[in-house]
Amino acid sequence: MGWLILALMGAVTYLYGLSTHAALLCLLVKPLPVLALLGWLHDAPPGDYRRWISLGLIFSLLGDVLLAWPGDLFVFGLGAFLVAHLAYLKAYLSDCKRLAVLPLVLALGVGAVLLGLLISSGLGPLLVPVIVYGTAISAMLWRALARLGTDVPKRSALLAAGGALAFVFSDSVIGIDRFVSPFHAAPYVIILSYWLGQWGIAASAFSQTKR
């Protein structure tokens, strides 16, 4: 519980910094919620699933810092989150390898719509990195949804699927705000859905059986 309280405190402080345009405060506290989730995750049953989720959180933490750092480090942040999604993908594959055609079609559809929207707005030199990233996050979503309705613990499957959906939503808003149509509430929508997604993904490890 202590780790989650720390995550909540970091989130509230970051939102305050965001609303007051306190850039240094935001830089200092933005990684705190994910860092706290990493600490909390140590209480989850050990095994491959927890190990890969932990790695995903570590690279997400790096991505948080890179995206908040002064200067345009967007591509490097994108790379860090790309590795994070691959780690989550590996975690989901560690306990479920069924093909799951419907989740595959849904994930491909979401990815295709978003990429089509971004590409039509013009990505310039970011075209290839964004396509690679979009493919990875679509694959992550597919494997998270594929765990639903299997012998994977129901709570773990639901939390991971919800977390993956929230993460995809957050990344979609980033793309729309950056490349299509910026809007004032975007930073709040992005960070809140991002934290919710990370919490769901991390929480899914607590319903795993010990391996």
Protein backbone atom coordinates (compact mmCIF):
# COMPACT_ATOMS: atom_id res chain seq x y z
CA MET A 1 0.00 0.00 0.00
CA GLY A 2 2.90 2.35 0.78
CA TRP A 3 4.19 2.13 -2.79
CA LEU A 4 0.77 2.98 -4.22
CA ILE A 5 0.45 5.98 -1.90
CA LEU A 6 3.86 7.15 -3.14
CA ALA A 7 2.67 6.71 -6.74
CA LEU A 8 -0.47 8.73 -5.99
CA MET A 9 1.53 11.51 -4.33
CA GLY A 10 3.87 11.68 -7.32
CA ALA A 11 0.91 11.80 -9.72
CA VAL A 12 -0.84 14.60 -7.82
CA THR A 13 2.39 16.62 -7.60
CA TYR A 14 3.03 16.18 -11.31
CA LEU A 15 -0.49 17.31 -12.18
CA TYR A 16 0.01 20.36 -9.98
CA GLY A 17 3.29 21.13 -11.78
CA LEU A 18 1.56 20.67 -15.11
CA SER A 19 -1.21 23.09 -14.21
CA THR A 20 1.25 25.73 -12.96
CA HIS A 21 3.75 25.21 -15.81
CA ALA A 22 6.48 24.25 -13.32
CA ALA A 23 8.75 22.43 -15.77
CA LEU A 24 11.46 21.52 -13.26
CA LEU A 25 8.94 20.08 -10.80
CA CYS A 26 7.37 18.02 -13.56
CA LEU A 27 10.77 16.71 -14.62
CA LEU A 28 11.59 15.68 -11.05
CA VAL A 29 8.33 13.94 -10.15
CA LYS A 30 7.10 12.51 -13.48
CA PRO A 31 9.03 9.22 -13.06
CA LEU A 32 7.82 8.75 -9.46
CA PRO A 33 4.53 6.87 -10.15
CA VAL A 34 6.19 4.27 -12.39
CA LEU A 35 9.14 4.00 -10.00
CA ALA A 36 6.68 3.31 -7.18
CA LEU A 37 4.94 0.66 -9.30
CA LEU A 38 8.32 -1.03 -9.74
CA GLY A 39 8.76 -1.16 -5.98
CA TRP A 40 5.21 -2.46 -5.53
CA LEU A 41 5.77 -5.16 -8.14
CA HIS A 42 8.39 -6.83 -5.94
CA ASP A 43 5.52 -8.14 -3.80
CA ALA A 44 3.99 -10.00 -6.77
CA PRO A 45 4.61 -13.76 -7.24
CA PRO A 46 8.06 -14.25 -8.83
CA GLY A 47 8.38 -15.73 -12.29
CA ASP A 48 8.83 -14.91 -15.95
CA TYR A 49 5.67 -12.81 -16.06
CA ARG A 50 6.77 -10.51 -13.25
CA ARG A 51 10.30 -10.31 -14.65
CA TRP A 52 9.15 -9.10 -18.07
CA ILE A 53 6.61 -6.67 -16.61
CA SER A 54 9.39 -5.25 -14.40
CA LEU A 55 11.61 -4.78 -17.45
CA GLY A 56 8.77 -3.00 -19.23
CA LEU A 57 8.35 -0.62 -16.31
CA ILE A 58 12.10 0.10 -16.24
CA PHE A 59 12.11 1.12 -19.90
CA SER A 60 8.89 3.08 -19.37
CA LEU A 61 10.67 4.94 -16.59
CA LEU A 62 13.49 5.77 -19.02
CA GLY A 63 10.93 6.89 -21.58
CA ASP A 64 9.28 9.16 -19.02
CA VAL A 65 12.58 10.92 -18.34
CA LEU A 66 13.49 11.26 -22.02
CA LEU A 67 10.13 12.75 -22.97
CA ALA A 68 10.16 15.18 -20.05
CA TRP A 69 13.79 16.26 -20.57
CA PRO A 70 14.30 19.75 -22.05
CA GLY A 71 14.89 19.50 -25.78
CA ASP A 72 13.29 17.25 -28.37
CA LEU A 73 14.15 13.69 -27.37
CA PHE A 74 10.91 12.29 -28.77
CA VAL A 75 12.58 9.61 -30.91
CA PHE A 76 14.67 8.35 -27.98
CA GLY A 77 11.61 8.29 -25.73
CA LEU A 78 9.76 6.41 -28.46
CA GLY A 79 12.60 3.88 -28.54
CA ALA A 80 12.44 3.34 -24.78
CA PHE A 81 8.70 2.76 -24.86
CA LEU A 82 9.14 0.46 -27.87
CA VAL A 83 11.32 -1.81 -25.72
CA ALA A 84 8.77 -1.53 -22.88
CA HIS A 85 5.99 -2.77 -25.15
CA LEU A 86 8.14 -5.64 -26.38
CA ALA A 87 8.77 -6.62 -22.75
CA TYR A 88 5.03 -6.56 -22.00
CA LEU A 89 4.45 -8.59 -25.16
CA LYS A 90 6.94 -11.19 -23.92
CA ALA A 91 5.21 -11.28 -20.53
CA TYR A 92 1.84 -12.01 -22.14
CA LEU A 93 3.38 -14.71 -24.32
CA SER A 94 4.92 -16.37 -21.25
CA ASP A 95 1.55 -17.77 -20.15
CA CYS A 96 -0.60 -17.70 -23.31
CA LYS A 97 0.40 -18.55 -26.86
CA ARG A 98 -2.97 -19.14 -28.55
CA LEU A 99 -3.48 -17.40 -31.89
CA ALA A 100 -6.66 -15.51 -30.84
CA VAL A 101 -7.89 -14.34 -34.25
CA LEU A 102 -10.51 -11.86 -33.01
CA PRO A 103 -8.08 -9.99 -30.70
CA LEU A 104 -5.58 -9.98 -33.58
CA VAL A 105 -8.13 -8.41 -35.94
CA LEU A 106 -9.14 -5.82 -33.31
CA ALA A 107 -5.52 -4.88 -32.57
CA LEU A 108 -4.65 -4.63 -36.26
CA GLY A 109 -7.75 -2.50 -36.85
CA VAL A 110 -6.88 -0.08 -34.06
CA GLY A 111 -3.28 0.16 -35.25
CA ALA A 112 -4.25 0.65 -38.89
CA VAL A 113 -6.76 3.42 -38.12
CA LEU A 114 -4.32 5.32 -35.93
CA LEU A 115 -1.37 4.93 -38.31
CA GLY A 116 -3.53 5.95 -41.25
CA LEU A 117 -4.60 9.09 -39.40
CA LEU A 118 -1.02 9.99 -38.46
CA ILE A 119 0.45 9.23 -41.88
CA SER A 120 -2.22 11.32 -43.62
CA SER A 121 -1.16 14.27 -41.44
CA GLY A 122 2.48 13.92 -42.49
CA LEU A 123 5.15 12.39 -40.25
CA GLY A 124 8.23 13.34 -42.26
CA PRO A 125 11.40 11.65 -40.93
CA LEU A 126 9.37 10.07 -38.10
CA LEU A 127 7.39 7.90 -40.52
CA VAL A 128 9.44 4.71 -40.08
CA PRO A 129 9.91 5.00 -36.27
CA VAL A 130 6.19 5.62 -35.79
CA ILE A 131 5.23 2.65 -37.99
CA VAL A 132 7.60 0.37 -36.07
CA TYR A 133 6.25 1.65 -32.76
CA GLY A 134 2.65 1.31 -33.91
CA THR A 135 3.28 -2.29 -34.95
CA ALA A 136 4.82 -3.11 -31.57
CA ILE A 137 2.02 -1.58 -29.51
CA SER A 138 -0.60 -3.30 -31.68
CA ALA A 139 1.15 -6.63 -31.07
CA MET A 140 1.24 -5.90 -27.33
CA LEU A 141 -2.50 -5.16 -27.34
CA TRP A 142 -3.21 -8.35 -29.31
CA ARG A 143 -1.38 -10.54 -26.83
CA ALA A 144 -2.98 -8.81 -23.83
CA LEU A 145 -6.46 -9.40 -25.29
CA ALA A 146 -5.51 -12.96 -26.27
CA ARG A 147 -5.20 -13.92 -22.59
CA LEU A 148 -8.92 -13.26 -22.01
CA GLY A 149 -11.04 -16.39 -21.75
CA THR A 150 -8.09 -18.77 -21.35
CA ASP A 151 -6.76 -20.66 -18.32
CA VAL A 152 -4.82 -17.51 -17.35
CA PRO A 153 -6.21 -16.19 -14.03
CA LYS A 154 -9.24 -14.07 -14.95
CA ARG A 155 -8.23 -11.08 -12.83
CA SER A 156 -4.75 -11.01 -14.37
CA ALA A 157 -6.18 -11.21 -17.90
CA LEU A 158 -8.71 -8.42 -17.27
CA LEU A 159 -6.17 -6.10 -15.64
CA ALA A 160 -3.59 -6.64 -18.38
CA ALA A 161 -6.16 -6.12 -21.15
CA GLY A 162 -7.51 -2.98 -19.50
CA GLY A 163 -4.00 -1.68 -18.93
CA ALA A 164 -3.00 -2.34 -22.53
CA LEU A 165 -6.11 -0.56 -23.83
CA ALA A 166 -5.43 2.46 -21.61
CA PHE A 167 -1.79 2.53 -22.78
CA VAL A 168 -2.85 2.39 -26.45
CA PHE A 169 -5.37 5.17 -25.83
CA SER A 170 -2.67 7.33 -24.19
CA ASP A 171 -0.27 6.80 -27.09
CA SER A 172 -3.04 7.53 -29.58
CA VAL A 173 -3.75 10.86 -27.91
CA ILE A 174 -0.01 11.67 -28.02
CA GLY A 175 -0.01 11.05 -31.76
CA ILE A 176 -3.15 13.08 -32.38
CA ASP A 177 -1.98 15.97 -30.22
CA ARG A 178 1.51 16.05 -31.73
CA PHE A 179 0.80 15.37 -35.40
CA VAL A 180 -2.88 15.96 -36.12
CA SER A 181 -4.70 18.47 -33.91
CA PRO A 182 -3.22 19.77 -30.62
CA PHE A 183 -5.71 20.42 -27.83
CA HIS A 184 -5.37 21.99 -24.38
CA ALA A 185 -6.42 19.01 -22.27
CA ALA A 186 -4.09 16.56 -24.06
CA PRO A 187 -1.29 16.50 -21.44
CA TYR A 188 -3.79 15.58 -18.71
CA VAL A 189 -5.58 12.94 -20.79
CA ILE A 190 -2.26 11.42 -21.88
CA ILE A 191 -0.66 11.14 -18.46
CA LEU A 192 -3.76 9.95 -16.58
CA SER A 193 -4.55 7.19 -19.10
CA TYR A 194 -0.84 6.28 -19.19
CA TRP A 195 -0.64 5.86 -15.42
CA LEU A 196 -3.89 3.91 -15.39
CA GLY A 197 -2.48 1.62 -18.08
CA GLN A 198 0.78 1.04 -16.24
CA TRP A 199 -1.09 0.32 -13.00
CA GLY A 200 -3.32 -2.25 -14.74
CA ILE A 201 -0.35 -3.97 -16.35
CA ALA A 202 1.62 -4.06 -13.09
CA ALA A 203 -1.42 -5.19 -11.07
CA SER A 204 -1.96 -8.10 -13.46
CA ALA A 205 1.21 -9.71 -12.06
CA PHE A 206 -0.38 -10.06 -8.60
CA SER A 207 -2.97 -12.53 -9.86
CA GLN A 208 -0.34 -14.82 -11.35
CA THR A 209 0.39 -18.16 -9.74
CA LYS A 210 3.91 -18.60 -8.38
CA ARG A 211 6.22 -20.13 -10.97
